Each structure stands twice: as C-alpha cells, then as structure tokens.
C-alpha cells in the first residue's frame, strides 16, 4: 500500500498494491517508482495503474551453493526487464 497525506486539506489517499512495498522514489509529476517483493513498478497516482517495469528472478536451487549466495550469504537475484 502507498499512502499520501495532503496536509492543507487533511486528506489521506491510499493505493492498494498486489505486493509489499520495499522502497519508493518519486519519478515525476504523479508517478512513483516502487520496489516490490517480486517486481519493480511505476505507479501512476492519477489513474492508480501499476505498470510492471521488471520482475525479480531467483537463481535456481540446482546451482552450486557458492553461486547461489551473494554478500553476507544472501541469495542472488536477477531482473527480467519489460518493454
């Protein structure tokens, strides 16, 4: 979920999303880039449409352990970019 509080009007707007938001950044007027659990998306605040920019790909479990772990033993991931 993304929340926006408009202080002058004291209104709260909510955008419900299919995944948990890990991070966000302003992308331009009325747009927010979202790092979600399994994807990266661009949310248009006016239309509430979420455009998937990339999907997170996990390294298959069949790989040797040393190739499946990155720094601090965390699993490696990759991205499949859309468009």
PDB file of N, CA and C in Angstrom:
ATOM      1  N   UNK A   1       0.842  -1.169   0.000  1.00  0.00           N
ATOM      2  CA  UNK A   1       0.000   0.000   0.000  1.00  0.00           C
ATOM      3  C   UNK A   1       0.891   1.237   0.000  1.00  0.00           C
ATOM      4  N   UNK A   2       0.490   2.233  -0.760  1.00  0.00           N
ATOM      5  CA  UNK A   2       1.148   3.545  -0.762  1.00  0.00           C
ATOM      6  C   UNK A   2       0.136   4.540  -0.213  1.00  0.00           C
ATOM      7  N   UNK A   3       0.607   5.402   0.677  1.00  0.00           N
ATOM      8  CA  UNK A   3      -0.247   6.413   1.289  1.00  0.00           C
ATOM      9  C   UNK A   3       0.261   7.812   0.930  1.00  0.00           C
ATOM     10  N   UNK A   4      -0.670   8.748   0.725  1.00  0.00           N
ATOM     11  CA  UNK A   4      -0.302  10.151   0.518  1.00  0.00           C
ATOM     12  C   UNK A   4      -1.177  11.000   1.433  1.00  0.00           C
ATOM     13  N   UNK A   5      -0.534  11.799   2.270  1.00  0.00           N
ATOM     14  CA  UNK A   5      -1.237  12.715   3.163  1.00  0.00           C
ATOM     15  C   UNK A   5      -1.105  14.129   2.618  1.00  0.00           C
ATOM     16  N   UNK A   6      -2.219  14.766   2.341  1.00  0.00           N
ATOM     17  CA  UNK A   6      -2.258  16.149   1.889  1.00  0.00           C
ATOM     18  C   UNK A   6      -2.554  17.004   3.119  1.00  0.00           C
ATOM     19  N   UNK A   7      -1.532  17.674   3.621  1.00  0.00           N
ATOM     20  CA  UNK A   7      -1.684  18.434   4.867  1.00  0.00           C
ATOM     21  C   UNK A   7      -2.673  19.598   4.773  1.00  0.00           C
ATOM     22  N   UNK A   8      -2.628  20.424   3.719  1.00  0.00           N
ATOM     23  CA  UNK A   8      -3.577  21.546   3.669  1.00  0.00           C
ATOM     24  C   UNK A   8      -5.045  21.107   3.708  1.00  0.00           C
ATOM     25  N   UNK A   9      -5.365  20.013   3.026  1.00  0.00           N
ATOM     26  CA  UNK A   9      -6.762  19.565   3.010  1.00  0.00           C
ATOM     27  C   UNK A   9      -7.039  18.470   4.030  1.00  0.00           C
ATOM     28  N   UNK A  10      -5.986  17.999   4.702  1.00  0.00           N
ATOM     29  CA  UNK A  10      -6.100  16.932   5.695  1.00  0.00           C
ATOM     30  C   UNK A  10      -6.775  15.684   5.107  1.00  0.00           C
ATOM     31  N   UNK A  11      -6.364  15.300   3.872  1.00  0.00           N
ATOM     32  CA  UNK A  11      -6.923  14.107   3.237  1.00  0.00           C
ATOM     33  C   UNK A  11      -5.835  13.057   3.080  1.00  0.00           C
ATOM     34  N   UNK A  12      -6.232  11.812   3.225  1.00  0.00           N
ATOM     35  CA  UNK A  12      -5.332  10.671   3.088  1.00  0.00           C
ATOM     36  C   UNK A  12      -5.801   9.845   1.892  1.00  0.00           C
ATOM     37  N   UNK A  13      -4.890   9.595   0.949  1.00  0.00           N
ATOM     38  CA  UNK A  13      -5.202   8.779  -0.220  1.00  0.00           C
ATOM     39  C   UNK A  13      -4.412   7.487  -0.129  1.00  0.00           C
ATOM     40  N   UNK A  14      -5.058   6.363  -0.450  1.00  0.00           N
ATOM     41  CA  UNK A  14      -4.419   5.040  -0.397  1.00  0.00           C
ATOM     42  C   UNK A  14      -4.441   4.396  -1.772  1.00  0.00           C
ATOM     43  N   UNK A  15      -3.330   3.754  -2.124  1.00  0.00           N
ATOM     44  CA  UNK A  15      -3.254   2.934  -3.328  1.00  0.00           C
ATOM     45  C   UNK A  15      -2.918   1.525  -2.874  1.00  0.00           C
ATOM     46  N   UNK A  16      -3.822   0.592  -3.095  1.00  0.00           N
ATOM     47  CA  UNK A  16      -3.609  -0.810  -2.721  1.00  0.00           C
ATOM     48  C   UNK A  16      -2.790  -1.479  -3.828  1.00  0.00           C
ATOM     49  N   UNK A  17      -1.830  -2.293  -3.440  1.00  0.00           N
ATOM     50  CA  UNK A  17      -0.925  -2.922  -4.388  1.00  0.00           C
ATOM     51  C   UNK A  17      -0.910  -4.437  -4.191  1.00  0.00           C
ATOM     52  N   UNK A  18      -0.502  -5.182  -5.217  1.00  0.00           N
ATOM     53  CA  UNK A  18      -0.507  -6.639  -5.123  1.00  0.00           C
ATOM     54  C   UNK A  18       0.622  -7.218  -4.285  1.00  0.00           C
ATOM     55  N   UNK A  19       1.628  -6.397  -3.944  1.00  0.00           N
ATOM     56  CA  UNK A  19       2.779  -6.871  -3.183  1.00  0.00           C
ATOM     57  C   UNK A  19       3.180  -5.825  -2.145  1.00  0.00           C
ATOM     58  N   UNK A  20       4.013  -6.248  -1.217  1.00  0.00           N
ATOM     59  CA  UNK A  20       4.534  -5.341  -0.196  1.00  0.00           C
ATOM     60  C   UNK A  20       5.530  -4.384  -0.841  1.00  0.00           C
ATOM     61  N   UNK A  21       5.471  -3.104  -0.469  1.00  0.00           N
ATOM     62  CA  UNK A  21       6.397  -2.096  -0.977  1.00  0.00           C
ATOM     63  C   UNK A  21       7.657  -2.108  -0.109  1.00  0.00           C
ATOM     64  N   UNK A  22       8.815  -2.327  -0.755  1.00  0.00           N
ATOM     65  CA  UNK A  22      10.090  -2.323  -0.034  1.00  0.00           C
ATOM     66  C   UNK A  22      10.720  -0.932  -0.053  1.00  0.00           C
ATOM     67  N   UNK A  23      10.538  -0.205  -1.166  1.00  0.00           N
ATOM     68  CA  UNK A  23      11.108   1.142  -1.296  1.00  0.00           C
ATOM     69  C   UNK A  23      10.333   1.885  -2.375  1.00  0.00           C
ATOM     70  N   UNK A  24      10.397   3.213  -2.317  1.00  0.00           N
ATOM     71  CA  UNK A  24       9.758   4.013  -3.358  1.00  0.00           C
ATOM     72  C   UNK A  24      10.575   5.262  -3.627  1.00  0.00           C
ATOM     73  N   UNK A  25      10.374   5.811  -4.825  1.00  0.00           N
ATOM     74  CA  UNK A  25      11.045   7.046  -5.219  1.00  0.00           C
ATOM     75  C   UNK A  25      10.123   7.815  -6.149  1.00  0.00           C
ATOM     76  N   UNK A  26      10.149   9.126  -6.055  1.00  0.00           N
ATOM     77  CA  UNK A  26       9.361   9.955  -6.959  1.00  0.00           C
ATOM     78  C   UNK A  26       9.970   9.869  -8.348  1.00  0.00           C
ATOM     79  N   UNK A  27       9.123   9.680  -9.361  1.00  0.00           N
ATOM     80  CA  UNK A  27       9.608   9.516 -10.731  1.00  0.00           C
ATOM     81  C   UNK A  27       9.290  10.718 -11.592  1.00  0.00           C
ATOM     82  N   UNK A  28       8.373  11.522 -11.195  1.00  0.00           N
ATOM     83  CA  UNK A  28       7.930  12.673 -11.970  1.00  0.00           C
ATOM     84  C   UNK A  28       6.576  13.083 -11.452  1.00  0.00           C
ATOM     85  N   UNK A  29       5.980  14.075 -12.066  1.00  0.00           N
ATOM     86  CA  UNK A  29       4.666  14.521 -11.602  1.00  0.00           C
ATOM     87  C   UNK A  29       3.640  13.379 -11.617  1.00  0.00           C
ATOM     88  N   UNK A  30       3.154  13.010 -10.457  1.00  0.00           N
ATOM     89  CA  UNK A  30       2.112  11.997 -10.347  1.00  0.00           C
ATOM     90  C   UNK A  30       2.560  10.573 -10.559  1.00  0.00           C
ATOM     91  N   UNK A  31       3.871  10.309 -10.488  1.00  0.00           N
ATOM     92  CA  UNK A  31       4.381   8.951 -10.681  1.00  0.00           C
ATOM     93  C   UNK A  31       5.374   8.589  -9.593  1.00  0.00           C
ATOM     94  N   UNK A  32       5.332   7.307  -9.210  1.00  0.00           N
ATOM     95  CA  UNK A  32       6.224   6.793  -8.179  1.00  0.00           C
ATOM     96  C   UNK A  32       6.811   5.473  -8.667  1.00  0.00           C
ATOM     97  N   UNK A  33       8.130   5.306  -8.511  1.00  0.00           N
ATOM     98  CA  UNK A  33       8.780   4.029  -8.795  1.00  0.00           C
ATOM     99  C   UNK A  33       8.736   3.219  -7.507  1.00  0.00           C
ATOM    100  N   UNK A  34       8.303   1.954  -7.611  1.00  0.00           N
ATOM    101  CA  UNK A  34       8.169   1.097  -6.439  1.00  0.00           C
ATOM    102  C   UNK A  34       9.035  -0.146  -6.570  1.00  0.00           C
ATOM    103  N   UNK A  35       9.788  -0.446  -5.528  1.00  0.00           N
ATOM    104  CA  UNK A  35      10.487  -1.723  -5.433  1.00  0.00           C
ATOM    105  C   UNK A  35       9.571  -2.623  -4.610  1.00  0.00           C
ATOM    106  N   UNK A  36       8.989  -3.609  -5.267  1.00  0.00           N
ATOM    107  CA  UNK A  36       8.083  -4.543  -4.610  1.00  0.00           C
ATOM    108  C   UNK A  36       8.813  -5.854  -4.333  1.00  0.00           C
ATOM    109  N   UNK A  37       8.171  -6.774  -3.674  1.00  0.00           N
ATOM    110  CA  UNK A  37       8.817  -8.036  -3.301  1.00  0.00           C
ATOM    111  C   UNK A  37       9.313  -8.813  -4.511  1.00  0.00           C
ATOM    112  N   UNK A  38       8.530  -8.876  -5.569  1.00  0.00           N
ATOM    113  CA  UNK A  38       8.908  -9.668  -6.734  1.00  0.00           C
ATOM    114  C   UNK A  38       8.948  -8.877  -8.038  1.00  0.00           C
ATOM    115  N   UNK A  39       8.878  -7.552  -7.948  1.00  0.00           N
ATOM    116  CA  UNK A  39       8.915  -6.749  -9.167  1.00  0.00           C
ATOM    117  C   UNK A  39       9.290  -5.303  -8.862  1.00  0.00           C
ATOM    118  N   UNK A  40       9.561  -4.572  -9.934  1.00  0.00           N
ATOM    119  CA  UNK A  40       9.769  -3.128  -9.866  1.00  0.00           C
ATOM    120  C   UNK A  40       8.680  -2.518 -10.736  1.00  0.00           C
ATOM    121  N   UNK A  41       7.972  -1.538 -10.210  1.00  0.00           N
ATOM    122  CA  UNK A  41       6.847  -0.977 -10.949  1.00  0.00           C
ATOM    123  C   UNK A  41       6.815   0.535 -10.935  1.00  0.00           C
ATOM    124  N   UNK A  42       6.039   1.072 -11.855  1.00  0.00           N
ATOM    125  CA  UNK A  42       5.797   2.509 -11.935  1.00  0.00           C
ATOM    126  C   UNK A  42       4.314   2.723 -11.669  1.00  0.00           C
ATOM    127  N   UNK A  43       4.007   3.419 -10.587  1.00  0.00           N
ATOM    128  CA  UNK A  43       2.627   3.671 -10.192  1.00  0.00           C
ATOM    129  C   UNK A  43       2.214   5.061 -10.636  1.00  0.00           C
ATOM    130  N   UNK A  44       1.141   5.130 -11.432  1.00  0.00           N
ATOM    131  CA  UNK A  44       0.555   6.410 -11.823  1.00  0.00           C
ATOM    132  C   UNK A  44      -0.477   6.763 -10.762  1.00  0.00           C
ATOM    133  N   UNK A  45      -0.233   7.818 -10.006  1.00  0.00           N
ATOM    134  CA  UNK A  45      -1.108   8.166  -8.886  1.00  0.00           C
ATOM    135  C   UNK A  45      -2.480   8.662  -9.343  1.00  0.00           C
ATOM    136  N   UNK A  46      -2.557   9.251 -10.519  1.00  0.00           N
ATOM    137  CA  UNK A  46      -3.839   9.753 -11.021  1.00  0.00           C
ATOM    138  C   UNK A  46      -4.793   8.644 -11.416  1.00  0.00           C
ATOM    139  N   UNK A  47      -4.275   7.636 -12.111  1.00  0.00           N
ATOM    140  CA  UNK A  47      -5.125   6.538 -12.587  1.00  0.00           C
ATOM    141  C   UNK A  47      -5.067   5.312 -11.685  1.00  0.00           C
ATOM    142  N   UNK A  48      -4.130   5.279 -10.733  1.00  0.00           N
ATOM    143  CA  UNK A  48      -3.898   4.138  -9.838  1.00  0.00           C
ATOM    144  C   UNK A  48      -3.460   2.893 -10.605  1.00  0.00           C
ATOM    145  N   UNK A  49      -2.883   3.084 -11.793  1.00  0.00           N
ATOM    146  CA  UNK A  49      -2.406   1.949 -12.586  1.00  0.00           C
ATOM    147  C   UNK A  49      -0.947   1.672 -12.260  1.00  0.00           C
ATOM    148  N   UNK A  50      -0.636   0.392 -12.074  1.00  0.00           N
ATOM    149  CA  UNK A  50       0.723  -0.053 -11.796  1.00  0.00           C
ATOM    150  C   UNK A  50       1.271  -0.730 -13.045  1.00  0.00           C
ATOM    151  N   UNK A  51       2.348  -0.177 -13.598  1.00  0.00           N
ATOM    152  CA  UNK A  51       2.997  -0.743 -14.778  1.00  0.00           C
ATOM    153  C   UNK A  51       4.246  -1.482 -14.307  1.00  0.00           C
ATOM    154  N   UNK A  52       4.323  -2.782 -14.577  1.00  0.00           N
ATOM    155  CA  UNK A  52       5.493  -3.562 -14.193  1.00  0.00           C
ATOM    156  C   UNK A  52       6.649  -3.232 -15.124  1.00  0.00           C
ATOM    157  N   UNK A  53       7.764  -2.800 -14.537  1.00  0.00           N
ATOM    158  CA  UNK A  53       8.959  -2.438 -15.289  1.00  0.00           C
ATOM    159  C   UNK A  53       9.912  -3.628 -15.371  1.00  0.00           C
ATOM    160  N   UNK A  54      10.019  -4.395 -14.277  1.00  0.00           N
ATOM    161  CA  UNK A  54      10.914  -5.554 -14.226  1.00  0.00           C
ATOM    162  C   UNK A  54      10.403  -6.536 -13.189  1.00  0.00           C
ATOM    163  N   UNK A  55      10.716  -7.820 -13.400  1.00  0.00           N
ATOM    164  CA  UNK A  55      10.365  -8.872 -12.450  1.00  0.00           C
ATOM    165  C   UNK A  55      11.644  -9.432 -11.829  1.00  0.00           C
ATOM    166  N   UNK A  56      11.594  -9.794 -10.566  1.00  0.00           N
ATOM    167  CA  UNK A  56      12.740 -10.385  -9.882  1.00  0.00           C
ATOM    168  C   UNK A  56      12.796 -11.868 -10.225  1.00  0.00           C
ATOM    169  N   UNK A  57      13.974 -12.328 -10.612  1.00  0.00           N
ATOM    170  CA  UNK A  57      14.192 -13.733 -10.923  1.00  0.00           C
ATOM    171  C   UNK A  57      15.169 -14.304  -9.911  1.00  0.00           C
ATOM    172  N   UNK A  58      14.793 -15.388  -9.244  1.00  0.00           N
ATOM    173  CA  UNK A  58      15.698 -16.020  -8.301  1.00  0.00           C
ATOM    174  C   UNK A  58      16.560 -17.024  -9.037  1.00  0.00           C
ATOM    175  N   UNK A  59      17.797 -17.180  -8.574  1.00  0.00           N
ATOM    176  CA  UNK A  59      18.681 -18.175  -9.156  1.00  0.00           C
ATOM    177  C   UNK A  59      18.142 -19.553  -8.799  1.00  0.00           C
ATOM    178  N   UNK A  60      18.064 -20.504  -9.751  1.00  0.00           N
ATOM    179  CA  UNK A  60      17.517 -21.830  -9.474  1.00  0.00           C
ATOM    180  C   UNK A  60      18.273 -22.549  -8.362  1.00  0.00           C
ATOM    181  N   UNK A  61      17.564 -23.350  -7.585  1.00  0.00           N
ATOM    182  CA  UNK A  61      18.172 -24.087  -6.468  1.00  0.00           C
ATOM    183  C   UNK A  61      19.163 -25.138  -6.918  1.00  0.00           C
ATOM    184  N   UNK A  62      19.126 -25.548  -8.188  1.00  0.00           N
ATOM    185  CA  UNK A  62      20.047 -26.563  -8.679  1.00  0.00           C
ATOM    186  C   UNK A  62      21.478 -26.072  -8.821  1.00  0.00           C
ATOM    187  N   UNK A  63      21.718 -24.771  -8.668  1.00  0.00           N
ATOM    188  CA  UNK A  63      23.055 -24.200  -8.788  1.00  0.00           C
ATOM    189  C   UNK A  63      23.885 -24.559  -7.557  1.00  0.00           C
ATOM    190  N   UNK A  64      25.200 -24.647  -7.712  1.00  0.00           N
ATOM    191  CA  UNK A  64      26.059 -24.850  -6.531  1.00  0.00           C
ATOM    192  C   UNK A  64      25.858 -23.725  -5.518  1.00  0.00           C
ATOM    193  N   UNK A  65      25.969 -24.061  -4.232  1.00  0.00           N
ATOM    194  CA  UNK A  65      25.687 -23.104  -3.151  1.00  0.00           C
ATOM    195  C   UNK A  65      26.505 -21.825  -3.281  1.00  0.00           C
ATOM    196  N   UNK A  66      27.800 -21.933  -3.654  1.00  0.00           N
ATOM    197  CA  UNK A  66      28.628 -20.729  -3.732  1.00  0.00           C
ATOM    198  C   UNK A  66      28.170 -19.799  -4.840  1.00  0.00           C
ATOM    199  N   UNK A  67      27.464 -20.304  -5.834  1.00  0.00           N
ATOM    200  CA  UNK A  67      26.955 -19.456  -6.904  1.00  0.00           C
ATOM    201  C   UNK A  67      25.575 -18.893  -6.577  1.00  0.00           C
ATOM    202  N   UNK A  68      24.913 -19.464  -5.584  1.00  0.00           N
ATOM    203  CA  UNK A  68      23.573 -19.004  -5.237  1.00  0.00           C
ATOM    204  C   UNK A  68      23.593 -17.936  -4.173  1.00  0.00           C
ATOM    205  N   UNK A  69      24.745 -17.681  -3.560  1.00  0.00           N
ATOM    206  CA  UNK A  69      24.791 -16.705  -2.477  1.00  0.00           C
ATOM    207  C   UNK A  69      25.670 -15.532  -2.851  1.00  0.00           C
ATOM    208  N   UNK A  70      25.209 -14.367  -2.455  1.00  0.00           N
ATOM    209  CA  UNK A  70      25.981 -13.154  -2.672  1.00  0.00           C
ATOM    210  C   UNK A  70      26.621 -12.721  -1.369  1.00  0.00           C
ATOM    211  N   UNK A  71      26.800 -11.434  -1.201  1.00  0.00           N
ATOM    212  CA  UNK A  71      27.380 -10.895   0.022  1.00  0.00           C
ATOM    213  C   UNK A  71      26.531 -11.255   1.232  1.00  0.00           C
ATOM    214  N   UNK A  72      27.174 -11.540   2.317  1.00  0.00           N
ATOM    215  CA  UNK A  72      26.508 -11.850   3.594  1.00  0.00           C
ATOM    216  C   UNK A  72      25.592 -13.062   3.485  1.00  0.00           C
ATOM    217  N   UNK A  73      25.857 -13.945   2.508  1.00  0.00           N
ATOM    218  CA  UNK A  73      25.079 -15.178   2.391  1.00  0.00           C
ATOM    219  C   UNK A  73      23.679 -14.995   1.855  1.00  0.00           C
ATOM    220  N   UNK A  74      23.360 -13.810   1.340  1.00  0.00           N
ATOM    221  CA  UNK A  74      22.015 -13.565   0.801  1.00  0.00           C
ATOM    222  C   UNK A  74      21.899 -14.175  -0.591  1.00  0.00           C
ATOM    223  N   UNK A  75      20.717 -14.691  -0.953  1.00  0.00           N
ATOM    224  CA  UNK A  75      20.562 -15.281  -2.277  1.00  0.00           C
ATOM    225  C   UNK A  75      20.702 -14.241  -3.375  1.00  0.00           C
ATOM    226  N   UNK A  76      21.259 -14.687  -4.493  1.00  0.00           N
ATOM    227  CA  UNK A  76      21.381 -13.797  -5.653  1.00  0.00           C
ATOM    228  C   UNK A  76      20.062 -13.738  -6.390  1.00  0.00           C
ATOM    229  N   UNK A  77      19.768 -12.596  -6.954  1.00  0.00           N
ATOM    230  CA  UNK A  77      18.571 -12.435  -7.771  1.00  0.00           C
ATOM    231  C   UNK A  77      18.934 -11.686  -9.043  1.00  0.00           C
ATOM    232  N   UNK A  78      18.074 -11.757 -10.036  1.00  0.00           N
ATOM    233  CA  UNK A  78      18.260 -11.002 -11.262  1.00  0.00           C
ATOM    234  C   UNK A  78      16.933 -10.337 -11.611  1.00  0.00           C
ATOM    235  N   UNK A  79      16.930  -9.550 -12.666  1.00  0.00           N
ATOM    236  CA  UNK A  79      15.716  -8.864 -13.088  1.00  0.00           C
ATOM    237  C   UNK A  79      15.412  -9.204 -14.548  1.00  0.00           C
ATOM    238  N   UNK A  80      14.141  -9.409 -14.860  1.00  0.00           N
ATOM    239  CA  UNK A  80      13.680  -9.517 -16.229  1.00  0.00           C
ATOM    240  C   UNK A  80      12.990  -8.195 -16.536  1.00  0.00           C
ATOM    241  N   UNK A  81      13.586  -7.410 -17.425  1.00  0.00           N
ATOM    242  CA  UNK A  81      13.083  -6.076 -17.731  1.00  0.00           C
ATOM    243  C   UNK A  81      12.009  -6.156 -18.800  1.00  0.00           C
ATOM    244  N   UNK A  82      10.919  -5.439 -18.591  1.00  0.00           N
ATOM    245  CA  UNK A  82       9.805  -5.376 -19.539  1.00  0.00           C
ATOM    246  C   UNK A  82       9.947  -4.153 -20.416  1.00  0.00           C
ATOM    247  N   UNK A  83       9.528  -4.278 -21.670  1.00  0.00           N
ATOM    248  CA  UNK A  83       9.473  -3.136 -22.583  1.00  0.00           C
ATOM    249  C   UNK A  83      10.802  -2.654 -22.957  1.00  0.00           C
TER     250      UNK A  83
END
